Amino acid sequence: MLIRYNKAFEKIAMGLLSFMPKEKDLKKLQETIKLYETEKKWRLFLWKEEEDVIGLVGVQLFGESSIEVQHISVNPSHRFEGVGTQMIKALHEYYADYEIGPNKDTESFYKQCEL
């Protein structure tokens, strides 16, 4: 299930973001989380199955009709189970009236989702 990020999930979100190649540095992670917490056009979602948060997807809104996927990450112990694809599909349902696409860092995975 896709849920909106809130401060209570900060450590979990930072852990998941740290799996992204450009988010390894602690200072960079903190800056990214702050961006999602303070900027209205940046939104972070977590993927929860049962009681565990196992993935996240972050987006940036452009105007009233376009979204770019900035981050996508799945806990390594849950990879290759279709979690990332489920998150992208849920994002498309959540933002049904928006055109959604990847940025250069998420493009290769996004294309594999076969939407």
C-alpha atoms as a PDB file:
ATOM      1  CA  MET A   1       0.000   0.000   0.000  1.00  0.00           C
ATOM      2  CA  LEU A   2       1.277   3.451  -0.948  1.00  0.00           C
ATOM      3  CA  ILE A   3       1.267   5.917   1.965  1.00  0.00           C
ATOM      4  CA  ARG A   4       2.411   9.541   2.205  1.00  0.00           C
ATOM      5  CA  TYR A   5       5.674  10.148   4.042  1.00  0.00           C
ATOM      6  CA  ASN A   6       5.618  11.845   7.424  1.00  0.00           C
ATOM      7  CA  LYS A   7       8.366  12.667   9.923  1.00  0.00           C
ATOM      8  CA  ALA A   8       7.694   9.477  11.933  1.00  0.00           C
ATOM      9  CA  PHE A   9       9.139   7.495   9.004  1.00  0.00           C
ATOM     10  CA  GLU A  10      12.278   9.624   8.618  1.00  0.00           C
ATOM     11  CA  LYS A  11      14.853   6.944   9.560  1.00  0.00           C
ATOM     12  CA  ILE A  12      13.168   4.291   7.445  1.00  0.00           C
ATOM     13  CA  ALA A  13      12.955   6.666   4.480  1.00  0.00           C
ATOM     14  CA  MET A  14      16.613   7.666   4.855  1.00  0.00           C
ATOM     15  CA  GLY A  15      17.603   3.995   4.971  1.00  0.00           C
ATOM     16  CA  LEU A  16      15.693   3.238   1.791  1.00  0.00           C
ATOM     17  CA  LEU A  17      16.983   6.363   0.041  1.00  0.00           C
ATOM     18  CA  SER A  18      20.548   5.353   0.909  1.00  0.00           C
ATOM     19  CA  PHE A  19      20.212   2.476  -1.586  1.00  0.00           C
ATOM     20  CA  MET A  20      20.070   5.058  -4.393  1.00  0.00           C
ATOM     21  CA  PRO A  21      23.559   5.567  -5.860  1.00  0.00           C
ATOM     22  CA  LYS A  22      23.527   9.371  -5.491  1.00  0.00           C
ATOM     23  CA  GLU A  23      22.136   9.275  -1.933  1.00  0.00           C
ATOM     24  CA  LYS A  24      24.896   7.402  -0.087  1.00  0.00           C
ATOM     25  CA  ASP A  25      26.306  10.404   1.792  1.00  0.00           C
ATOM     26  CA  LEU A  26      24.576  11.250   5.106  1.00  0.00           C
ATOM     27  CA  LYS A  27      24.555  14.995   4.401  1.00  0.00           C
ATOM     28  CA  LYS A  28      22.997  14.403   0.965  1.00  0.00           C
ATOM     29  CA  LEU A  29      20.371  12.107   2.524  1.00  0.00           C
ATOM     30  CA  GLN A  30      19.458  14.765   5.075  1.00  0.00           C
ATOM     31  CA  GLU A  31      19.155  17.389   2.336  1.00  0.00           C
ATOM     32  CA  THR A  32      16.912  15.113   0.280  1.00  0.00           C
ATOM     33  CA  ILE A  33      14.616  14.322   3.211  1.00  0.00           C
ATOM     34  CA  LYS A  34      14.401  18.036   4.074  1.00  0.00           C
ATOM     35  CA  LEU A  35      13.452  18.764   0.455  1.00  0.00           C
ATOM     36  CA  TYR A  36      10.562  16.292   0.661  1.00  0.00           C
ATOM     37  CA  GLU A  37       9.490  17.703   4.029  1.00  0.00           C
ATOM     38  CA  THR A  38       9.559  21.382   3.085  1.00  0.00           C
ATOM     39  CA  GLU A  39       8.864  21.735  -0.644  1.00  0.00           C
ATOM     40  CA  LYS A  40       5.201  21.432  -1.645  1.00  0.00           C
ATOM     41  CA  LYS A  41       6.035  20.179  -5.126  1.00  0.00           C
ATOM     42  CA  TRP A  42       8.205  17.329  -3.806  1.00  0.00           C
ATOM     43  CA  ARG A  43       6.304  14.350  -2.401  1.00  0.00           C
ATOM     44  CA  LEU A  44       7.584  11.137  -0.900  1.00  0.00           C
ATOM     45  CA  PHE A  45       5.560   7.948  -0.612  1.00  0.00           C
ATOM     46  CA  LEU A  46       6.366   4.759   1.251  1.00  0.00           C
ATOM     47  CA  TRP A  47       5.298   1.247   0.301  1.00  0.00           C
ATOM     48  CA  LYS A  48       3.953  -0.712   3.239  1.00  0.00           C
ATOM     49  CA  GLU A  49       3.172  -4.425   3.252  1.00  0.00           C
ATOM     50  CA  GLU A  50       1.596  -5.732   6.431  1.00  0.00           C
ATOM     51  CA  GLU A  51       3.571  -3.937   9.165  1.00  0.00           C
ATOM     52  CA  ASP A  52       6.780  -3.319   7.214  1.00  0.00           C
ATOM     53  CA  VAL A  53       7.802  -0.376   5.051  1.00  0.00           C
ATOM     54  CA  ILE A  54       9.788  -1.983   2.236  1.00  0.00           C
ATOM     55  CA  GLY A  55      10.034   0.678  -0.457  1.00  0.00           C
ATOM     56  CA  LEU A  56       9.681   4.310  -1.384  1.00  0.00           C
ATOM     57  CA  VAL A  57       9.038   6.487  -4.376  1.00  0.00           C
ATOM     58  CA  GLY A  58       9.613  10.231  -4.524  1.00  0.00           C
ATOM     59  CA  VAL A  59       8.175  12.610  -7.092  1.00  0.00           C
ATOM     60  CA  GLN A  60       8.341  16.226  -8.141  1.00  0.00           C
ATOM     61  CA  LEU A  61       5.184  17.927  -9.422  1.00  0.00           C
ATOM     62  CA  PHE A  62       5.374  20.277 -12.389  1.00  0.00           C
ATOM     63  CA  GLY A  63       2.321  22.463 -12.703  1.00  0.00           C
ATOM     64  CA  GLU A  64      -1.078  20.784 -12.589  1.00  0.00           C
ATOM     65  CA  SER A  65      -0.467  17.954 -15.023  1.00  0.00           C
ATOM     66  CA  SER A  66       3.044  16.513 -14.902  1.00  0.00           C
ATOM     67  CA  ILE A  67       5.083  14.481 -12.415  1.00  0.00           C
ATOM     68  CA  GLU A  68       8.655  13.270 -12.553  1.00  0.00           C
ATOM     69  CA  VAL A  69       9.799  10.263 -10.509  1.00  0.00           C
ATOM     70  CA  GLN A  70      12.918  11.414  -8.643  1.00  0.00           C
ATOM     71  CA  HIS A  71      13.625   8.418  -6.393  1.00  0.00           C
ATOM     72  CA  ILE A  72      12.578   4.795  -6.237  1.00  0.00           C
ATOM     73  CA  SER A  73      14.021   2.267  -3.847  1.00  0.00           C
ATOM     74  CA  VAL A  74      13.143  -1.169  -2.498  1.00  0.00           C
ATOM     75  CA  ASN A  75      14.667  -2.918   0.493  1.00  0.00           C
ATOM     76  CA  PRO A  76      17.212  -5.400  -0.954  1.00  0.00           C
ATOM     77  CA  SER A  77      15.527  -8.355   0.772  1.00  0.00           C
ATOM     78  CA  HIS A  78      12.332  -7.598  -1.215  1.00  0.00           C
ATOM     79  CA  ARG A  79      13.833  -6.930  -4.623  1.00  0.00           C
ATOM     80  CA  PHE A  80      12.790  -8.920  -7.689  1.00  0.00           C
ATOM     81  CA  GLU A  81       9.321  -9.462  -6.183  1.00  0.00           C
ATOM     82  CA  GLY A  82       7.592  -6.758  -8.231  1.00  0.00           C
ATOM     83  CA  VAL A  83       7.434  -4.199  -5.400  1.00  0.00           C
ATOM     84  CA  GLY A  84       8.929  -1.388  -7.479  1.00  0.00           C
ATOM     85  CA  THR A  85       6.474  -2.010 -10.299  1.00  0.00           C
ATOM     86  CA  GLN A  86       3.578  -2.076  -7.810  1.00  0.00           C
ATOM     87  CA  MET A  87       4.716   1.297  -6.439  1.00  0.00           C
ATOM     88  CA  ILE A  88       4.831   2.843  -9.911  1.00  0.00           C
ATOM     89  CA  LYS A  89       1.391   1.451 -10.775  1.00  0.00           C
ATOM     90  CA  ALA A  90      -0.033   2.755  -7.472  1.00  0.00           C
ATOM     91  CA  LEU A  91       1.515   6.143  -8.215  1.00  0.00           C
ATOM     92  CA  HIS A  92      -0.256   6.176 -11.591  1.00  0.00           C
ATOM     93  CA  GLU A  93      -3.553   5.425  -9.829  1.00  0.00           C
ATOM     94  CA  TYR A  94      -2.949   8.092  -7.168  1.00  0.00           C
ATOM     95  CA  TYR A  95      -2.133  10.704  -9.816  1.00  0.00           C
ATOM     96  CA  ALA A  96      -4.506   9.424 -12.490  1.00  0.00           C
ATOM     97  CA  ASP A  97      -4.918  12.851 -14.120  1.00  0.00           C
ATOM     98  CA  TYR A  98      -1.178  13.526 -14.366  1.00  0.00           C
ATOM     99  CA  GLU A  99       1.388  12.588 -16.953  1.00  0.00           C
ATOM    100  CA  ILE A 100       4.071  10.663 -15.052  1.00  0.00           C
ATOM    101  CA  GLY A 101       7.594  10.003 -16.228  1.00  0.00           C
ATOM    102  CA  PRO A 102      11.071   9.293 -14.885  1.00  0.00           C
ATOM    103  CA  ASN A 103      14.122  11.484 -14.450  1.00  0.00           C
ATOM    104  CA  LYS A 104      17.496  10.301 -15.774  1.00  0.00           C
ATOM    105  CA  ASP A 105      18.270   8.422 -12.535  1.00  0.00           C
ATOM    106  CA  THR A 106      14.982   6.478 -12.460  1.00  0.00           C
ATOM    107  CA  GLU A 107      14.509   6.048 -16.214  1.00  0.00           C
ATOM    108  CA  SER A 108      16.011   2.572 -16.634  1.00  0.00           C
ATOM    109  CA  PHE A 109      13.873   1.064 -13.879  1.00  0.00           C
ATOM    110  CA  TYR A 110      10.759   2.975 -14.916  1.00  0.00           C
ATOM    111  CA  LYS A 111      10.981   1.588 -18.459  1.00  0.00           C
ATOM    112  CA  GLN A 112      11.094  -1.959 -17.078  1.00  0.00           C
ATOM    113  CA  CYS A 113       7.717  -1.492 -15.384  1.00  0.00           C
ATOM    114  CA  GLU A 114       5.870  -1.923 -18.716  1.00  0.00           C
ATOM    115  CA  LEU A 115       3.013   0.460 -17.976  1.00  0.00           C
END
